[in-house]
Amino acid sequence: MDLEKSRHPGRNFIRKLLDHFYIQGPHGQHICLVHEPLGMSADLLVKLSHRQAMTLDDMKPGIRQLLVALDFLHSESHIIHTDLQLKNLLLPGPETSYLSRFENAEVADPSPRKVLKDRTIYQSLGFIPRGGLPFLTDFGEARLDDKDHNDDIMPNVYRAPEVILRSSWGYKVDIWSVAMIAWDLVCPRTLINGINADRVFDDRVHMAELVALLGPPPPEFREQRHLSSVFWDQSGNWKGLAPIPDITLKSLAKNVQGEDKEGFLRWLRMALQWNPEDRPTALELLYDEWLMEGLGE
């Protein structure tokens, strides 16, 4: 398919590659990608707000745009992003006139840099955000959805169950990540902690938290994944590799601000399904009545 001719609206919500060139360095030739200029990441924006979470209504437009972009990737491009997280969502960049002033200022008073024997390291400069919805970026870990995958992907706290169990996965891992992103935007703590008594991220603790939040996995999920036997016996009983914490989605969402919190939790549960095939597509998640409520107001 010629993606340049695609009329899918999601194509407009993905960072554009404008050009590329090669540069010779001390360790060989490197390809340099020229992207459209964008602003700070959603992750940095959250940190600058001192983790002051969004309301549910404020979160919805950005999640809608992300789901439209994902539908383009999944249905037309057959690409699995695998690394959806707040730092890979970038806000719109500054106006062209601001970039011109930035270039002139850089010539007149260059930014700090460290000159080493074989290279120069420049300080990374940012732009003041001008508002707007974020663009999806960073396809360094993306995979084509043309074969089975079982390699390790996703940030630790975002990992879907099939990834934790090192079994085959597909584009539904991105659906799991969308729910995690939505949660991080409206709640001051991550949904998954995953830290053991030694302060190390632990798959056993992660899985125990998922059992507390989602309930035990259905038999067909366990039967399809050979590493399930590490965590559950043949009858589906938890082996106790880590204690099941006393938490629920509802208890963790006590500080979420906005109307229809129950609708939000129902929407989350749609996406956070043990079985990947039980998770909705990007379009199905987008057209849910809770997420669509308030659109156009």
C-alpha atoms as a PDB file:
ATOM      1  CA  MET A   1       0.000   0.000   0.000  1.00  0.00           C
ATOM      2  CA  ASP A   2       1.224   3.539  -0.792  1.00  0.00           C
ATOM      3  CA  LEU A   3       1.039   5.229   2.594  1.00  0.00           C
ATOM      4  CA  GLU A   4       1.710   8.610   1.045  1.00  0.00           C
ATOM      5  CA  LYS A   5      -1.672   8.361  -0.707  1.00  0.00           C
ATOM      6  CA  SER A   6      -3.564   7.124   2.334  1.00  0.00           C
ATOM      7  CA  ARG A   7      -6.504   9.267   3.381  1.00  0.00           C
ATOM      8  CA  HIS A   8      -6.751   7.738   6.840  1.00  0.00           C
ATOM      9  CA  PRO A   9      -6.949  10.606   9.390  1.00  0.00           C
ATOM     10  CA  GLY A  10      -4.606   8.775  11.734  1.00  0.00           C
ATOM     11  CA  ARG A  11      -1.722   9.411   9.363  1.00  0.00           C
ATOM     12  CA  ASN A  12      -1.865  13.085  10.364  1.00  0.00           C
ATOM     13  CA  PHE A  13      -1.264  12.255  14.021  1.00  0.00           C
ATOM     14  CA  ILE A  14       2.084  10.523  13.514  1.00  0.00           C
ATOM     15  CA  ARG A  15       5.347  12.454  13.416  1.00  0.00           C
ATOM     16  CA  LYS A  16       6.440  13.007   9.829  1.00  0.00           C
ATOM     17  CA  LEU A  17       9.823  12.042   8.445  1.00  0.00           C
ATOM     18  CA  LEU A  18      10.925  14.923   6.210  1.00  0.00           C
ATOM     19  CA  ASP A  19      14.323  13.711   5.010  1.00  0.00           C
ATOM     20  CA  HIS A  20      17.423  11.783   5.943  1.00  0.00           C
ATOM     21  CA  PHE A  21      21.171  12.016   5.413  1.00  0.00           C
ATOM     22  CA  TYR A  22      24.330  10.161   6.402  1.00  0.00           C
ATOM     23  CA  ILE A  23      27.223  11.359   8.509  1.00  0.00           C
ATOM     24  CA  GLN A  24      30.621   9.751   9.013  1.00  0.00           C
ATOM     25  CA  GLY A  25      31.735   9.386  12.605  1.00  0.00           C
ATOM     26  CA  PRO A  26      34.585   7.712  14.504  1.00  0.00           C
ATOM     27  CA  HIS A  27      32.517   4.494  14.722  1.00  0.00           C
ATOM     28  CA  GLY A  28      31.339   4.366  11.137  1.00  0.00           C
ATOM     29  CA  GLN A  29      28.543   5.826   9.071  1.00  0.00           C
ATOM     30  CA  HIS A  30      25.310   6.870  10.768  1.00  0.00           C
ATOM     31  CA  ILE A  31      21.927   7.702   9.312  1.00  0.00           C
ATOM     32  CA  CYS A  32      20.347  10.939  10.537  1.00  0.00           C
ATOM     33  CA  LEU A  33      16.579  11.348  10.331  1.00  0.00           C
ATOM     34  CA  VAL A  34      15.023  14.768   9.805  1.00  0.00           C
ATOM     35  CA  HIS A  35      11.605  14.995  11.486  1.00  0.00           C
ATOM     36  CA  GLU A  36       9.120  17.801  11.743  1.00  0.00           C
ATOM     37  CA  PRO A  37       9.875  19.899  14.844  1.00  0.00           C
ATOM     38  CA  LEU A  38       7.680  19.048  17.798  1.00  0.00           C
ATOM     39  CA  GLY A  39       7.484  20.163  21.406  1.00  0.00           C
ATOM     40  CA  MET A  40       7.978  18.475  24.746  1.00  0.00           C
ATOM     41  CA  SER A  41       6.782  14.994  25.587  1.00  0.00           C
ATOM     42  CA  ALA A  42       3.604  14.266  27.499  1.00  0.00           C
ATOM     43  CA  ASP A  43       5.829  12.632  30.099  1.00  0.00           C
ATOM     44  CA  LEU A  44       7.747  15.880  30.683  1.00  0.00           C
ATOM     45  CA  LEU A  45       4.511  17.856  30.766  1.00  0.00           C
ATOM     46  CA  VAL A  46       3.195  15.580  33.525  1.00  0.00           C
ATOM     47  CA  LYS A  47       6.444  16.016  35.492  1.00  0.00           C
ATOM     48  CA  LEU A  48       6.330  19.800  35.132  1.00  0.00           C
ATOM     49  CA  SER A  49       2.796  19.756  36.505  1.00  0.00           C
ATOM     50  CA  HIS A  50       4.143  17.949  39.595  1.00  0.00           C
ATOM     51  CA  ARG A  51       2.001  14.946  38.599  1.00  0.00           C
ATOM     52  CA  GLN A  52      -1.126  17.039  38.840  1.00  0.00           C
ATOM     53  CA  ALA A  53      -3.361  14.586  37.041  1.00  0.00           C
ATOM     54  CA  MET A  54      -5.793  15.554  34.295  1.00  0.00           C
ATOM     55  CA  THR A  55      -9.506  15.200  34.729  1.00  0.00           C
ATOM     56  CA  LEU A  56     -11.229  12.447  32.782  1.00  0.00           C
ATOM     57  CA  ASP A  57     -12.733  14.963  30.355  1.00  0.00           C
ATOM     58  CA  ASP A  58      -9.346  16.617  29.736  1.00  0.00           C
ATOM     59  CA  MET A  59      -7.748  13.239  29.049  1.00  0.00           C
ATOM     60  CA  LYS A  60     -10.266  12.068  26.443  1.00  0.00           C
ATOM     61  CA  PRO A  61      -9.219  14.162  23.370  1.00  0.00           C
ATOM     62  CA  GLY A  62      -5.608  12.990  23.495  1.00  0.00           C
ATOM     63  CA  ILE A  63      -6.613   9.341  23.888  1.00  0.00           C
ATOM     64  CA  ARG A  64      -9.070   9.652  20.987  1.00  0.00           C
ATOM     65  CA  GLN A  65      -6.302  11.020  18.764  1.00  0.00           C
ATOM     66  CA  LEU A  66      -3.927   8.251  19.847  1.00  0.00           C
ATOM     67  CA  LEU A  67      -6.514   5.593  19.002  1.00  0.00           C
ATOM     68  CA  VAL A  68      -7.094   7.094  15.536  1.00  0.00           C
ATOM     69  CA  ALA A  69      -3.320   6.988  14.945  1.00  0.00           C
ATOM     70  CA  LEU A  70      -3.228   3.380  16.151  1.00  0.00           C
ATOM     71  CA  ASP A  71      -6.034   2.374  13.815  1.00  0.00           C
ATOM     72  CA  PHE A  72      -3.956   3.738  10.939  1.00  0.00           C
ATOM     73  CA  LEU A  73      -0.933   1.732  12.098  1.00  0.00           C
ATOM     74  CA  HIS A  74      -2.831  -1.493  12.715  1.00  0.00           C
ATOM     75  CA  SER A  75      -5.388  -1.564   9.901  1.00  0.00           C
ATOM     76  CA  GLU A  76      -3.538   0.124   7.024  1.00  0.00           C
ATOM     77  CA  SER A  77       0.168  -0.054   7.821  1.00  0.00           C
ATOM     78  CA  HIS A  78       0.120  -3.393   9.683  1.00  0.00           C
ATOM     79  CA  ILE A  79       2.592  -2.007  12.214  1.00  0.00           C
ATOM     80  CA  ILE A  80       2.731  -2.733  15.954  1.00  0.00           C
ATOM     81  CA  HIS A  81       4.287   0.190  17.846  1.00  0.00           C
ATOM     82  CA  THR A  82       5.162  -1.894  20.993  1.00  0.00           C
ATOM     83  CA  ASP A  83       6.513   1.108  22.918  1.00  0.00           C
ATOM     84  CA  LEU A  84       3.522   3.335  23.605  1.00  0.00           C
ATOM     85  CA  GLN A  85       4.241   5.515  26.620  1.00  0.00           C
ATOM     86  CA  LEU A  86       3.983   9.161  27.608  1.00  0.00           C
ATOM     87  CA  LYS A  87       7.535  10.031  26.545  1.00  0.00           C
ATOM     88  CA  ASN A  88       6.729   8.933  22.976  1.00  0.00           C
ATOM     89  CA  LEU A  89       3.807  11.344  22.692  1.00  0.00           C
ATOM     90  CA  LEU A  90       5.088  14.778  21.689  1.00  0.00           C
ATOM     91  CA  LEU A  91       3.127  18.014  21.819  1.00  0.00           C
ATOM     92  CA  PRO A  92       2.892  20.260  18.734  1.00  0.00           C
ATOM     93  CA  GLY A  93       6.002  22.291  18.005  1.00  0.00           C
ATOM     94  CA  PRO A  94       6.425  26.057  17.952  1.00  0.00           C
ATOM     95  CA  GLU A  95       5.445  28.338  15.094  1.00  0.00           C
ATOM     96  CA  THR A  96       7.918  28.735  12.225  1.00  0.00           C
ATOM     97  CA  SER A  97       8.664  32.331  13.228  1.00  0.00           C
ATOM     98  CA  TYR A  98       9.753  31.128  16.666  1.00  0.00           C
ATOM     99  CA  LEU A  99      12.129  28.607  15.087  1.00  0.00           C
ATOM    100  CA  SER A 100      13.724  31.367  13.014  1.00  0.00           C
ATOM    101  CA  ARG A 101      14.305  33.462  16.132  1.00  0.00           C
ATOM    102  CA  PHE A 102      15.706  30.378  17.863  1.00  0.00           C
ATOM    103  CA  GLU A 103      18.219  29.826  15.028  1.00  0.00           C
ATOM    104  CA  ASN A 104      19.349  33.463  15.112  1.00  0.00           C
ATOM    105  CA  ALA A 105      19.766  33.373  18.875  1.00  0.00           C
ATOM    106  CA  GLU A 106      21.798  30.176  18.615  1.00  0.00           C
ATOM    107  CA  VAL A 107      24.165  31.802  16.116  1.00  0.00           C
ATOM    108  CA  ALA A 108      24.572  34.893  18.280  1.00  0.00           C
ATOM    109  CA  ASP A 109      24.981  33.001  21.559  1.00  0.00           C
ATOM    110  CA  PRO A 110      25.569  29.266  21.079  1.00  0.00           C
ATOM    111  CA  SER A 111      24.120  26.906  23.670  1.00  0.00           C
ATOM    112  CA  PRO A 112      26.468  25.046  26.048  1.00  0.00           C
ATOM    113  CA  ARG A 113      28.358  22.093  24.622  1.00  0.00           C
ATOM    114  CA  LYS A 114      31.078  19.670  25.612  1.00  0.00           C
ATOM    115  CA  VAL A 115      33.901  19.246  23.074  1.00  0.00           C
ATOM    116  CA  LEU A 116      35.580  15.848  23.352  1.00  0.00           C
ATOM    117  CA  LYS A 117      38.415  14.375  21.341  1.00  0.00           C
ATOM    118  CA  ASP A 118      36.169  12.553  18.881  1.00  0.00           C
ATOM    119  CA  ARG A 119      32.811  14.331  19.155  1.00  0.00           C
ATOM    120  CA  THR A 120      30.888  17.309  20.455  1.00  0.00           C
ATOM    121  CA  ILE A 121      27.915  16.908  22.799  1.00  0.00           C
ATOM    122  CA  TYR A 122      25.315  19.667  22.561  1.00  0.00           C
ATOM    123  CA  GLN A 123      22.872  20.585  25.275  1.00  0.00           C
ATOM    124  CA  SER A 124      19.356  19.561  24.312  1.00  0.00           C
ATOM    125  CA  LEU A 125      17.059  22.562  24.213  1.00  0.00           C
ATOM    126  CA  GLY A 126      13.297  22.477  24.446  1.00  0.00           C
ATOM    127  CA  PHE A 127      10.430  24.693  23.429  1.00  0.00           C
ATOM    128  CA  ILE A 128       7.617  26.133  25.443  1.00  0.00           C
ATOM    129  CA  PRO A 129       4.499  24.099  24.590  1.00  0.00           C
ATOM    130  CA  ARG A 130       1.812  25.956  22.663  1.00  0.00           C
ATOM    131  CA  GLY A 131      -1.008  23.567  23.440  1.00  0.00           C
ATOM    132  CA  GLY A 132      -2.715  21.013  21.260  1.00  0.00           C
ATOM    133  CA  LEU A 133      -2.928  17.233  21.162  1.00  0.00           C
ATOM    134  CA  PRO A 134       0.190  15.034  21.089  1.00  0.00           C
ATOM    135  CA  PHE A 135       1.633  13.224  18.087  1.00  0.00           C
ATOM    136  CA  LEU A 136       2.759   9.596  18.173  1.00  0.00           C
ATOM    137  CA  THR A 137       6.525   9.231  17.704  1.00  0.00           C
ATOM    138  CA  ASP A 138       9.486   6.866  18.127  1.00  0.00           C
ATOM    139  CA  PHE A 139       9.114   3.738  16.027  1.00  0.00           C
ATOM    140  CA  GLY A 140      12.507   2.315  16.979  1.00  0.00           C
ATOM    141  CA  GLU A 141      10.906  -0.799  18.517  1.00  0.00           C
ATOM    142  CA  ALA A 142       8.038  -1.177  16.038  1.00  0.00           C
ATOM    143  CA  ARG A 143       7.334  -4.536  14.399  1.00  0.00           C
ATOM    144  CA  LEU A 144       5.456  -5.583  11.285  1.00  0.00           C
ATOM    145  CA  ASP A 145       2.319  -7.564  12.016  1.00  0.00           C
ATOM    146  CA  ASP A 146       3.180 -10.218   9.430  1.00  0.00           C
ATOM    147  CA  LYS A 147       4.426 -12.984  11.729  1.00  0.00           C
ATOM    148  CA  ASP A 148       4.361 -14.165  15.314  1.00  0.00           C
ATOM    149  CA  HIS A 149       6.528 -12.317  17.804  1.00  0.00           C
ATOM    150  CA  ASN A 150       7.692 -13.384  21.248  1.00  0.00           C
ATOM    151  CA  ASP A 151      10.596 -11.066  22.042  1.00  0.00           C
ATOM    152  CA  ASP A 152      10.638  -8.837  25.115  1.00  0.00           C
ATOM    153  CA  ILE A 153       8.994  -5.457  24.510  1.00  0.00           C
ATOM    154  CA  MET A 154       7.216  -2.608  26.333  1.00  0.00           C
ATOM    155  CA  PRO A 155       8.293  -0.612  29.430  1.00  0.00           C
ATOM    156  CA  ASN A 156       8.211  -2.751  32.587  1.00  0.00           C
ATOM    157  CA  VAL A 157       5.044  -1.349  34.171  1.00  0.00           C
ATOM    158  CA  TYR A 158       3.219  -1.363  30.820  1.00  0.00           C
ATOM    159  CA  ARG A 159       3.955  -4.950  29.819  1.00  0.00           C
ATOM    160  CA  ALA A 160       0.956  -7.008  28.771  1.00  0.00           C
ATOM    161  CA  PRO A 161       0.501 -10.483  30.317  1.00  0.00           C
ATOM    162  CA  GLU A 162       1.507 -12.342  27.153  1.00  0.00           C
ATOM    163  CA  VAL A 163       4.777 -10.366  27.102  1.00  0.00           C
ATOM    164  CA  ILE A 164       5.521 -11.136  30.761  1.00  0.00           C
ATOM    165  CA  LEU A 165       5.018 -14.850  29.991  1.00  0.00           C
ATOM    166  CA  ARG A 166       7.336 -14.649  26.932  1.00  0.00           C
ATOM    167  CA  SER A 167       4.611 -16.014  24.663  1.00  0.00           C
ATOM    168  CA  SER A 168       3.516 -14.841  21.222  1.00  0.00           C
ATOM    169  CA  TRP A 169       2.016 -11.376  20.955  1.00  0.00           C
ATOM    170  CA  GLY A 170       0.493  -9.132  18.308  1.00  0.00           C
ATOM    171  CA  TYR A 171      -0.989  -5.690  17.810  1.00  0.00           C
ATOM    172  CA  LYS A 172      -3.249  -6.033  20.872  1.00  0.00           C
ATOM    173  CA  VAL A 173      -0.229  -5.176  23.065  1.00  0.00           C
ATOM    174  CA  ASP A 174      -0.738  -1.585  21.859  1.00  0.00           C
ATOM    175  CA  ILE A 175      -4.337  -1.668  23.110  1.00  0.00           C
ATOM    176  CA  TRP A 176      -3.084  -2.676  26.562  1.00  0.00           C
ATOM    177  CA  SER A 177      -0.654   0.259  26.480  1.00  0.00           C
ATOM    178  CA  VAL A 178      -3.372   2.782  25.593  1.00  0.00           C
ATOM    179  CA  ALA A 179      -5.197   1.889  28.811  1.00  0.00           C
ATOM    180  CA  MET A 180      -1.963   2.307  30.772  1.00  0.00           C
ATOM    181  CA  ILE A 181      -1.346   5.729  29.210  1.00  0.00           C
ATOM    182  CA  ALA A 182      -4.895   6.868  29.962  1.00  0.00           C
ATOM    183  CA  TRP A 183      -4.436   5.808  33.577  1.00  0.00           C
ATOM    184  CA  ASP A 184      -1.127   7.678  33.904  1.00  0.00           C
ATOM    185  CA  LEU A 185      -2.763  10.872  32.644  1.00  0.00           C
ATOM    186  CA  VAL A 186      -5.545  10.879  35.241  1.00  0.00           C
ATOM    187  CA  CYS A 187      -3.917   9.250  38.261  1.00  0.00           C
ATOM    188  CA  PRO A 188      -0.826  10.438  40.184  1.00  0.00           C
ATOM    189  CA  ARG A 189       0.480   6.859  40.599  1.00  0.00           C
ATOM    190  CA  THR A 190       1.114   4.185  37.991  1.00  0.00           C
ATOM    191  CA  LEU A 191      -1.378   1.341  37.837  1.00  0.00           C
ATOM    192  CA  ILE A 192       1.395  -1.232  38.299  1.00  0.00           C
ATOM    193  CA  ASN A 193       4.139  -0.925  40.914  1.00  0.00           C
ATOM    194  CA  GLY A 194       5.959  -4.232  40.423  1.00  0.00           C
ATOM    195  CA  ILE A 195       8.692  -3.565  42.986  1.00  0.00           C
ATOM    196  CA  ASN A 196       9.703  -6.378  45.344  1.00  0.00           C
ATOM    197  CA  ALA A 197      11.158  -6.193  48.859  1.00  0.00           C
ATOM    198  CA  ASP A 198      14.648  -5.668  47.376  1.00  0.00           C
ATOM    199  CA  ARG A 199      13.385  -2.616  45.461  1.00  0.00           C
ATOM    200  CA  VAL A 200      13.791  -4.426  42.130  1.00  0.00           C
ATOM    201  CA  PHE A 201      11.110  -4.718  39.459  1.00  0.00           C
ATOM    202  CA  ASP A 202       9.863  -8.288  39.660  1.00  0.00           C
ATOM    203  CA  ASP A 203       7.628 -10.185  37.202  1.00  0.00           C
ATOM    204  CA  ARG A 204       6.171 -12.188  40.101  1.00  0.00           C
ATOM    205  CA  VAL A 205       5.017  -9.011  41.851  1.00  0.00           C
ATOM    206  CA  HIS A 206       3.732  -7.620  38.557  1.00  0.00           C
ATOM    207  CA  MET A 207       1.663 -10.741  37.879  1.00  0.00           C
ATOM    208  CA  ALA A 208       0.313 -10.761  41.449  1.00  0.00           C
ATOM    209  CA  GLU A 209      -0.881  -7.179  40.979  1.00  0.00           C
ATOM    210  CA  LEU A 210      -2.616  -8.111  37.721  1.00  0.00           C
ATOM    211  CA  VAL A 211      -4.443 -10.936  39.497  1.00  0.00           C
ATOM    212  CA  ALA A 212      -5.609  -8.467  42.159  1.00  0.00           C
ATOM    213  CA  LEU A 213      -6.768  -5.921  39.578  1.00  0.00           C
ATOM    214  CA  LEU A 214      -8.245  -8.213  36.902  1.00  0.00           C
ATOM    215  CA  GLY A 215      -9.029 -11.422  38.738  1.00  0.00           C
ATOM    216  CA  PRO A 216      -7.437 -14.770  37.841  1.00  0.00           C
ATOM    217  CA  PRO A 217      -6.811 -15.435  34.138  1.00  0.00           C
ATOM    218  CA  PRO A 218      -9.259 -17.665  32.284  1.00  0.00           C
ATOM    219  CA  PRO A 219      -8.207 -21.292  31.672  1.00  0.00           C
ATOM    220  CA  GLU A 220      -7.699 -20.760  27.944  1.00  0.00           C
ATOM    221  CA  PHE A 221      -5.161 -18.013  28.660  1.00  0.00           C
ATOM    222  CA  ARG A 222      -3.134 -20.282  30.936  1.00  0.00           C
ATOM    223  CA  GLU A 223      -3.341 -23.231  28.559  1.00  0.00           C
ATOM    224  CA  GLN A 224      -1.996 -21.227  25.613  1.00  0.00           C
ATOM    225  CA  ARG A 225       1.109 -19.989  27.435  1.00  0.00           C
ATOM    226  CA  HIS A 226       3.619 -22.526  28.707  1.00  0.00           C
ATOM    227  CA  LEU A 227       5.154 -20.205  31.308  1.00  0.00           C
ATOM    228  CA  SER A 228       1.784 -19.953  33.021  1.00  0.00           C
ATOM    229  CA  SER A 229       2.798 -23.080  34.938  1.00  0.00           C
ATOM    230  CA  VAL A 230       5.379 -20.978  36.759  1.00  0.00           C
ATOM    231  CA  PHE A 231       2.612 -18.909  38.361  1.00  0.00           C
ATOM    232  CA  TRP A 232      -0.428 -21.231  38.484  1.00  0.00           C
ATOM    233  CA  ASP A 233      -0.937 -24.925  39.101  1.00  0.00           C
ATOM    234  CA  GLN A 234      -2.970 -27.175  36.797  1.00  0.00           C
ATOM    235  CA  SER A 235      -6.181 -26.222  38.601  1.00  0.00           C
ATOM    236  CA  GLY A 236      -5.519 -22.515  38.086  1.00  0.00           C
ATOM    237  CA  ASN A 237      -4.493 -21.818  41.681  1.00  0.00           C
ATOM    238  CA  TRP A 238      -1.944 -19.081  42.288  1.00  0.00           C
ATOM    239  CA  LYS A 239       1.345 -20.629  43.470  1.00  0.00           C
ATOM    240  CA  GLY A 240       2.100 -17.765  45.830  1.00  0.00           C
ATOM    241  CA  LEU A 241       5.355 -16.597  44.251  1.00  0.00           C
ATOM    242  CA  ALA A 242       4.363 -13.139  45.479  1.00  0.00           C
ATOM    243  CA  PRO A 243       1.470 -12.107  47.736  1.00  0.00           C
ATOM    244  CA  ILE A 244      -1.693 -10.932  46.003  1.00  0.00           C
ATOM    245  CA  PRO A 245      -2.030  -7.283  47.135  1.00  0.00           C
ATOM    246  CA  ASP A 246      -5.272  -5.925  48.525  1.00  0.00           C
ATOM    247  CA  ILE A 247      -5.967  -3.536  45.653  1.00  0.00           C
ATOM    248  CA  THR A 248      -8.678  -3.054  43.031  1.00  0.00           C
ATOM    249  CA  LEU A 249      -9.051  -0.742  40.068  1.00  0.00           C
ATOM    250  CA  LYS A 250     -11.704   1.134  42.014  1.00  0.00           C
ATOM    251  CA  SER A 251      -9.555   1.606  45.118  1.00  0.00           C
ATOM    252  CA  LEU A 252      -6.581   2.852  43.105  1.00  0.00           C
ATOM    253  CA  ALA A 253      -8.838   5.262  41.214  1.00  0.00           C
ATOM    254  CA  LYS A 254     -10.063   7.059  44.332  1.00  0.00           C
ATOM    255  CA  ASN A 255      -8.137  10.222  43.407  1.00  0.00           C
ATOM    256  CA  VAL A 256      -9.206  10.273  39.738  1.00  0.00           C
ATOM    257  CA  GLN A 257     -11.070  13.499  39.039  1.00  0.00           C
ATOM    258  CA  GLY A 258     -14.019  13.830  36.691  1.00  0.00           C
ATOM    259  CA  GLU A 259     -17.533  12.643  36.026  1.00  0.00           C
ATOM    260  CA  ASP A 260     -18.525   9.038  35.321  1.00  0.00           C
ATOM    261  CA  LYS A 261     -15.537   7.357  36.939  1.00  0.00           C
ATOM    262  CA  GLU A 262     -17.390   4.053  36.656  1.00  0.00           C
ATOM    263  CA  GLY A 263     -17.546   4.543  32.879  1.00  0.00           C
ATOM    264  CA  PHE A 264     -13.786   5.068  32.817  1.00  0.00           C
ATOM    265  CA  LEU A 265     -13.129   1.904  34.841  1.00  0.00           C
ATOM    266  CA  ARG A 266     -15.433  -0.098  32.546  1.00  0.00           C
ATOM    267  CA  TRP A 267     -13.507   1.261  29.527  1.00  0.00           C
ATOM    268  CA  LEU A 268     -10.212   0.276  31.175  1.00  0.00           C
ATOM    269  CA  ARG A 269     -11.435  -3.250  31.833  1.00  0.00           C
ATOM    270  CA  MET A 270     -12.319  -3.601  28.148  1.00  0.00           C
ATOM    271  CA  ALA A 271      -8.697  -2.997  27.194  1.00  0.00           C
ATOM    272  CA  LEU A 272      -7.038  -4.784  30.119  1.00  0.00           C
ATOM    273  CA  GLN A 273      -8.106  -8.307  29.223  1.00  0.00           C
ATOM    274  CA  TRP A 274      -5.902 -11.327  29.898  1.00  0.00           C
ATOM    275  CA  ASN A 275      -6.669 -12.808  26.479  1.00  0.00           C
ATOM    276  CA  PRO A 276      -5.387 -10.483  23.720  1.00  0.00           C
ATOM    277  CA  GLU A 277      -8.202 -11.601  21.427  1.00  0.00           C
ATOM    278  CA  ASP A 278     -10.725 -10.353  24.012  1.00  0.00           C
ATOM    279  CA  ARG A 279      -9.339  -6.831  23.847  1.00  0.00           C
ATOM    280  CA  PRO A 280     -11.103  -4.439  21.463  1.00  0.00           C
ATOM    281  CA  THR A 281      -9.504  -3.005  18.352  1.00  0.00           C
ATOM    282  CA  ALA A 282      -8.404   0.625  18.347  1.00  0.00           C
ATOM    283  CA  LEU A 283     -11.643   1.648  16.616  1.00  0.00           C
ATOM    284  CA  GLU A 284     -13.813  -0.349  19.008  1.00  0.00           C
ATOM    285  CA  LEU A 285     -12.091   1.268  21.980  1.00  0.00           C
ATOM    286  CA  LEU A 286     -12.423   4.680  20.329  1.00  0.00           C
ATOM    287  CA  TYR A 287     -16.146   4.353  19.646  1.00  0.00           C
ATOM    288  CA  ASP A 288     -16.993   3.282  23.174  1.00  0.00           C
ATOM    289  CA  GLU A 289     -19.851   5.413  24.506  1.00  0.00           C
ATOM    290  CA  TRP A 290     -17.838   6.615  27.484  1.00  0.00           C
ATOM    291  CA  LEU A 291     -14.908   7.888  25.400  1.00  0.00           C
ATOM    292  CA  MET A 292     -17.166   9.461  22.783  1.00  0.00           C
ATOM    293  CA  GLU A 293     -19.274  11.273  25.375  1.00  0.00           C
ATOM    294  CA  GLY A 294     -18.606  15.023  25.277  1.00  0.00           C
ATOM    295  CA  LEU A 295     -17.140  14.976  21.767  1.00  0.00           C
ATOM    296  CA  GLY A 296     -17.947  18.206  19.953  1.00  0.00           C
ATOM    297  CA  GLU A 297     -19.060  20.091  23.052  1.00  0.00           C
END
